[in-house]
Amino acid sequence: MMGSPVIRTLTLGEVECLLDWARAESWNPGLADAAAFHAADPDGFFGCFVDGVFASGISAVRYGNDFGFIGLYIAHPDFRGQGMGRRVWDAGMAHLEGRTIGLDGVAEQQQNYRSMGFEPVYETVRWSGRLEGAATSAVSNVSANILPAIIRYDGEVFPQVREAFLHKWLKPPRTAKVLIKGGEIRGYGVCRKCIDGFKIGPLFAMGKTEAVTLLQRLVAETGGETVHIDVPAPQQEFSDYLAEAGFQKGFTTARMYRGLPPSARTADIFGVTTLELG
């Protein structure tokens, strides 16, 4: 007879296991995402365990005082159809109680999320392709002295300041680049190795020209492998550039919010950081 399910927060090692499940689902996470994800909110990853066996998991990461994000919502194939997913969902939502909550929902789940109070705001499209890299003196590596300014800029574009996460995300094995003109940060981006190629995210910039400059510098680090970037559909000019460069459209997700959509400079988002953490 099956024992009573136990819900608890996940250790870093268990977050790594949850990301292994995501790989098995062909979500193609980065090879070294777990530590940075966990740093964003060490109390924000939940698992359901049956007789000590990991059955389902979710990330419910808190940012600041009034925003949170849901992702990595997966039940192990051996435990599907038994309500294990709903148990971690409820734990994650309780962790984010009182906050605006965001998620990136795949098409087949959007109606389900709507029924739980989430409303779509914009579509995000996965673009994949290869691009010739290019160097420019305006783009440099992210160093410790520029990090506070990047965190400030990121906090204007993302709904909340996410200092703990960025302290990890902007460090190796990921490659982080910043574009500075006239002494001002005009954008920054991160490239990371995945099972399949590389992902770019975030790609935040004050305009399409800056976004392209950063992208070309980042792809110079990929050795000609396939690059994936999740682009908000409103960035039509940038999407046209990718299409002309030979990138292919993949799956789409909808950025959905429960509660008042956060005020953020979404015009600067050319590539979403991750579909799991926002």
Protein backbone atom coordinates (compact mmCIF):
# COMPACT_ATOMS: atom_id res chain seq x y z
CA MET A 1 0.00 0.00 0.00
CA MET A 2 1.24 3.45 -0.94
CA GLY A 3 2.21 5.74 1.95
CA SER A 4 0.88 9.26 2.45
CA PRO A 5 2.51 11.82 0.13
CA VAL A 6 4.91 14.24 1.84
CA ILE A 7 5.36 17.79 0.51
CA ARG A 8 8.59 19.63 1.35
CA THR A 9 11.14 22.07 -0.03
CA LEU A 10 13.81 20.60 -2.27
CA THR A 11 17.54 20.51 -1.63
CA LEU A 12 19.92 21.76 -4.32
CA GLY A 13 20.57 18.13 -5.33
CA GLU A 14 16.83 17.56 -5.75
CA VAL A 15 16.53 20.73 -7.85
CA GLU A 16 19.20 19.17 -10.09
CA CYS A 17 17.03 16.05 -10.29
CA LEU A 18 14.00 18.16 -11.26
CA LEU A 19 16.08 19.73 -14.05
CA ASP A 20 17.02 16.21 -15.20
CA TRP A 21 13.30 15.53 -15.54
CA ALA A 22 13.00 18.74 -17.58
CA ARG A 23 15.74 17.44 -19.88
CA ALA A 24 13.83 14.17 -20.27
CA GLU A 25 10.78 16.23 -21.31
CA SER A 26 12.98 17.88 -24.00
CA TRP A 27 12.75 21.29 -22.29
CA ASN A 28 16.51 21.64 -22.88
CA PRO A 29 17.59 23.45 -19.69
CA GLY A 30 21.15 24.63 -19.25
CA LEU A 31 23.82 22.18 -18.09
CA ALA A 32 24.52 24.18 -14.91
CA ASP A 33 21.22 25.90 -14.08
CA ALA A 34 20.47 24.35 -10.70
CA ALA A 35 22.71 26.43 -8.40
CA ALA A 36 21.61 29.77 -9.87
CA PHE A 37 17.94 28.73 -9.87
CA HIS A 38 18.17 27.60 -6.24
CA ALA A 39 19.92 30.84 -5.21
CA ALA A 40 16.97 32.88 -6.51
CA ASP A 41 14.80 31.53 -3.67
CA PRO A 42 16.14 28.52 -1.72
CA ASP A 43 12.67 28.03 -0.17
CA GLY A 44 10.91 28.19 -3.54
CA PHE A 45 11.28 24.62 -4.85
CA PHE A 46 8.81 21.97 -3.73
CA GLY A 47 8.57 18.24 -4.13
CA CYS A 48 5.99 15.58 -3.42
CA PHE A 49 7.50 12.35 -2.08
CA VAL A 50 5.73 8.99 -1.84
CA ASP A 51 7.47 6.46 0.42
CA GLY A 52 10.58 8.58 0.05
CA VAL A 53 10.41 8.56 -3.77
CA PHE A 54 10.40 11.92 -5.59
CA ALA A 55 7.03 11.99 -7.42
CA SER A 56 6.50 15.59 -8.60
CA GLY A 57 8.10 19.01 -8.35
CA ILE A 58 7.64 22.71 -9.00
CA SER A 59 9.51 25.99 -8.69
CA ALA A 60 7.67 28.90 -7.07
CA VAL A 61 10.30 31.60 -6.81
CA ARG A 62 9.69 34.79 -4.83
CA TYR A 63 11.13 38.06 -6.11
CA GLY A 64 11.04 41.11 -3.86
CA ASN A 65 7.89 41.59 -1.79
CA ASP A 66 5.12 41.31 -4.37
CA PHE A 67 6.10 39.12 -7.34
CA GLY A 68 6.63 35.41 -7.91
CA PHE A 69 7.07 32.99 -10.78
CA ILE A 70 5.96 29.39 -11.34
CA GLY A 71 7.92 26.88 -13.41
CA LEU A 72 9.42 23.37 -13.58
CA TYR A 73 5.97 21.93 -12.89
CA ILE A 74 6.57 18.23 -13.59
CA ALA A 75 5.30 14.89 -12.32
CA HIS A 76 7.54 11.87 -12.80
CA PRO A 77 5.98 9.57 -15.45
CA ASP A 78 5.51 6.81 -12.84
CA PHE A 79 3.23 9.08 -10.78
CA ARG A 80 1.14 10.86 -13.41
CA GLY A 81 -2.63 10.87 -13.15
CA GLN A 82 -2.53 10.42 -9.37
CA GLY A 83 -2.91 14.04 -8.22
CA MET A 84 0.76 14.42 -7.29
CA GLY A 85 1.19 17.44 -9.56
CA ARG A 86 -1.70 19.26 -7.94
CA ARG A 87 -0.14 18.77 -4.50
CA VAL A 88 3.06 20.62 -5.43
CA TRP A 89 1.06 23.22 -7.37
CA ASP A 90 -0.90 24.03 -4.21
CA ALA A 91 2.33 24.23 -2.18
CA GLY A 92 3.90 26.56 -4.72
CA MET A 93 0.86 28.82 -4.88
CA ALA A 94 0.73 28.99 -1.07
CA HIS A 95 4.41 30.05 -1.06
CA LEU A 96 3.49 32.94 -3.41
CA GLU A 97 0.26 33.92 -1.64
CA GLY A 98 -0.50 37.64 -1.88
CA ARG A 99 1.81 38.27 -4.84
CA THR A 100 1.30 38.79 -8.54
CA ILE A 101 2.33 35.42 -10.03
CA GLY A 102 3.76 34.88 -13.49
CA LEU A 103 4.33 31.79 -15.62
CA ASP A 104 5.10 30.88 -19.22
CA GLY A 105 2.38 28.47 -20.29
CA VAL A 106 2.51 26.08 -23.23
CA ALA A 107 -0.55 26.15 -25.48
CA GLU A 108 -2.11 22.92 -24.21
CA GLN A 109 -2.03 24.14 -20.58
CA GLN A 110 -3.22 27.72 -21.06
CA GLN A 111 -6.91 26.94 -20.60
CA ASN A 112 -6.04 25.10 -17.39
CA TYR A 113 -4.08 28.12 -16.12
CA ARG A 114 -6.93 30.48 -17.09
CA SER A 115 -9.25 28.43 -14.91
CA MET A 116 -6.91 29.19 -12.00
CA GLY A 117 -7.01 32.93 -12.54
CA PHE A 118 -4.06 33.46 -14.93
CA GLU A 119 -4.49 35.80 -17.89
CA PRO A 120 -2.21 35.92 -20.96
CA VAL A 121 -0.34 39.17 -21.61
CA TYR A 122 1.93 38.34 -24.56
CA GLU A 123 3.27 35.40 -26.53
CA THR A 124 6.88 34.26 -26.47
CA VAL A 125 8.39 32.47 -29.47
CA ARG A 126 11.40 30.11 -29.37
CA TRP A 127 13.76 31.02 -32.24
CA SER A 128 16.63 28.66 -33.09
CA GLY A 129 19.47 28.99 -35.56
CA ARG A 130 23.12 29.74 -36.19
CA LEU A 131 24.63 33.18 -36.52
CA GLU A 132 28.03 34.62 -37.36
CA GLY A 133 29.61 36.07 -34.24
CA ALA A 134 31.06 39.58 -34.22
CA ALA A 135 33.22 41.46 -31.74
CA THR A 136 32.84 45.13 -30.84
CA SER A 137 34.68 47.31 -28.35
CA ALA A 138 31.36 48.53 -26.90
CA VAL A 139 30.62 45.01 -25.53
CA SER A 140 32.71 43.70 -22.66
CA ASN A 141 32.70 40.90 -20.11
CA VAL A 142 30.72 41.47 -16.94
CA SER A 143 33.21 42.30 -14.18
CA ALA A 144 32.63 42.68 -10.44
CA ASN A 145 32.74 46.48 -10.61
CA ILE A 146 29.94 46.71 -13.20
CA LEU A 147 27.72 44.08 -11.51
CA PRO A 148 25.80 46.52 -9.21
CA ALA A 149 24.87 48.70 -12.21
CA ILE A 150 23.68 45.64 -14.17
CA ILE A 151 21.56 44.53 -11.21
CA ARG A 152 19.98 48.02 -11.10
CA TYR A 153 19.28 48.00 -14.85
CA ASP A 154 17.88 44.45 -14.68
CA GLY A 155 15.58 45.55 -11.85
CA GLU A 156 14.07 48.19 -14.15
CA VAL A 157 13.39 45.66 -16.93
CA PHE A 158 12.41 42.60 -14.84
CA PRO A 159 9.46 43.08 -12.45
CA GLN A 160 11.73 43.01 -9.35
CA VAL A 161 15.39 43.28 -8.40
CA ARG A 162 16.86 39.75 -8.41
CA GLU A 163 20.30 40.24 -6.88
CA ALA A 164 20.90 36.74 -5.45
CA PHE A 165 20.02 35.09 -8.76
CA LEU A 166 22.16 37.42 -10.89
CA HIS A 167 25.19 37.01 -8.65
CA LYS A 168 25.18 33.36 -9.78
CA TRP A 169 23.72 33.71 -13.29
CA LEU A 170 26.33 36.21 -14.49
CA LYS A 171 29.24 33.94 -13.59
CA PRO A 172 30.91 30.96 -15.35
CA PRO A 173 30.15 28.50 -16.76
CA ARG A 174 27.75 31.00 -18.36
CA THR A 175 29.09 33.86 -20.50
CA ALA A 176 27.78 37.33 -19.61
CA LYS A 177 28.34 40.44 -21.74
CA VAL A 178 27.39 44.08 -21.19
CA LEU A 179 27.00 46.86 -23.77
CA ILE A 180 28.16 50.27 -22.57
CA LYS A 181 27.89 53.50 -24.57
CA GLY A 182 28.73 56.94 -23.21
CA GLY A 183 29.33 55.44 -19.80
CA GLU A 184 25.76 54.06 -19.69
CA ILE A 185 24.59 50.45 -19.73
CA ARG A 186 22.61 50.00 -22.94
CA GLY A 187 21.97 46.29 -22.46
CA TYR A 188 23.35 42.96 -21.33
CA GLY A 189 23.00 39.30 -22.16
CA VAL A 190 23.91 35.81 -21.00
CA CYS A 191 24.75 32.69 -23.01
CA ARG A 192 24.76 29.18 -21.55
CA LYS A 193 25.43 25.67 -22.80
CA CYS A 194 22.46 23.30 -22.96
CA ILE A 195 22.04 19.67 -23.98
CA ASP A 196 21.14 20.98 -27.44
CA GLY A 197 23.25 23.99 -28.39
CA PHE A 198 23.20 27.22 -26.38
CA LYS A 199 20.49 29.46 -24.97
CA ILE A 200 20.65 33.24 -24.83
CA GLY A 201 18.81 34.75 -21.88
CA PRO A 202 18.35 37.30 -20.71
CA LEU A 203 18.89 39.55 -23.69
CA PHE A 204 17.90 42.97 -22.36
CA ALA A 205 18.67 46.08 -24.42
CA MET A 206 17.46 49.64 -24.96
CA GLY A 207 16.77 49.01 -28.65
CA LYS A 208 16.92 46.51 -31.48
CA THR A 209 20.36 47.72 -32.65
CA GLU A 210 21.81 47.16 -29.18
CA ALA A 211 20.11 43.75 -28.95
CA VAL A 212 21.63 42.62 -32.25
CA THR A 213 25.09 43.87 -31.23
CA LEU A 214 24.93 41.90 -27.98
CA LEU A 215 23.55 38.80 -29.69
CA GLN A 216 26.35 38.80 -32.27
CA ARG A 217 28.95 39.10 -29.50
CA LEU A 218 27.37 36.33 -27.43
CA VAL A 219 27.09 33.84 -30.30
CA ALA A 220 30.82 34.27 -30.90
CA GLU A 221 31.18 32.11 -27.75
CA THR A 222 29.14 29.19 -29.10
CA GLY A 223 31.56 27.62 -31.59
CA GLY A 224 28.97 27.71 -34.35
CA GLU A 225 26.43 25.56 -32.49
CA THR A 226 22.69 26.14 -32.63
CA VAL A 227 21.47 29.07 -30.52
CA HIS A 228 18.00 29.29 -28.95
CA ILE A 229 16.35 32.48 -27.76
CA ASP A 230 12.82 33.04 -26.38
CA VAL A 231 11.60 36.31 -27.88
CA PRO A 232 8.44 38.18 -26.83
CA ALA A 233 6.16 38.40 -29.88
CA PRO A 234 5.85 42.22 -29.61
CA GLN A 235 9.56 42.46 -30.61
CA GLN A 236 8.60 42.23 -34.28
CA GLU A 237 11.65 44.01 -35.74
CA PHE A 238 14.04 41.77 -33.82
CA SER A 239 12.03 38.68 -34.82
CA ASP A 240 12.25 39.79 -38.47
CA TYR A 241 16.02 40.11 -38.10
CA LEU A 242 16.25 36.55 -36.73
CA ALA A 243 14.07 35.20 -39.55
CA GLU A 244 16.22 36.94 -42.17
CA ALA A 245 19.33 35.47 -40.48
CA GLY A 246 17.86 31.99 -41.04
CA PHE A 247 16.50 31.29 -37.56
CA GLN A 248 13.48 28.98 -37.36
CA LYS A 249 10.40 29.48 -35.22
CA GLY A 250 9.80 26.76 -32.66
CA PHE A 251 7.13 26.41 -29.98
CA THR A 252 5.31 29.33 -28.40
CA THR A 253 4.35 30.00 -24.80
CA ALA A 254 2.14 32.67 -23.27
CA ARG A 255 3.38 34.91 -20.46
CA MET A 256 0.47 34.80 -18.04
CA TYR A 257 -0.13 36.60 -14.77
CA ARG A 258 -2.47 36.06 -11.88
CA GLY A 259 -2.98 39.44 -10.29
CA LEU A 260 -2.07 42.87 -11.62
CA PRO A 261 0.60 42.51 -14.33
CA PRO A 262 3.83 43.96 -12.93
CA SER A 263 5.19 47.28 -14.10
CA ALA A 264 8.44 46.59 -15.92
CA ARG A 265 10.24 47.91 -18.99
CA THR A 266 9.17 45.06 -21.21
CA ALA A 267 10.22 46.99 -24.36
CA ASP A 268 13.83 46.15 -23.35
CA ILE A 269 13.18 42.37 -23.27
CA PHE A 270 14.51 40.82 -26.49
CA GLY A 271 15.19 37.44 -24.89
CA VAL A 272 13.49 36.01 -21.80
CA THR A 273 15.92 34.94 -19.04
CA THR A 274 14.39 31.46 -18.68
CA LEU A 275 10.90 30.05 -19.16
CA GLU A 276 11.27 28.42 -15.73
CA LEU A 277 12.09 31.48 -13.60
CA GLY A 278 10.81 34.38 -15.70
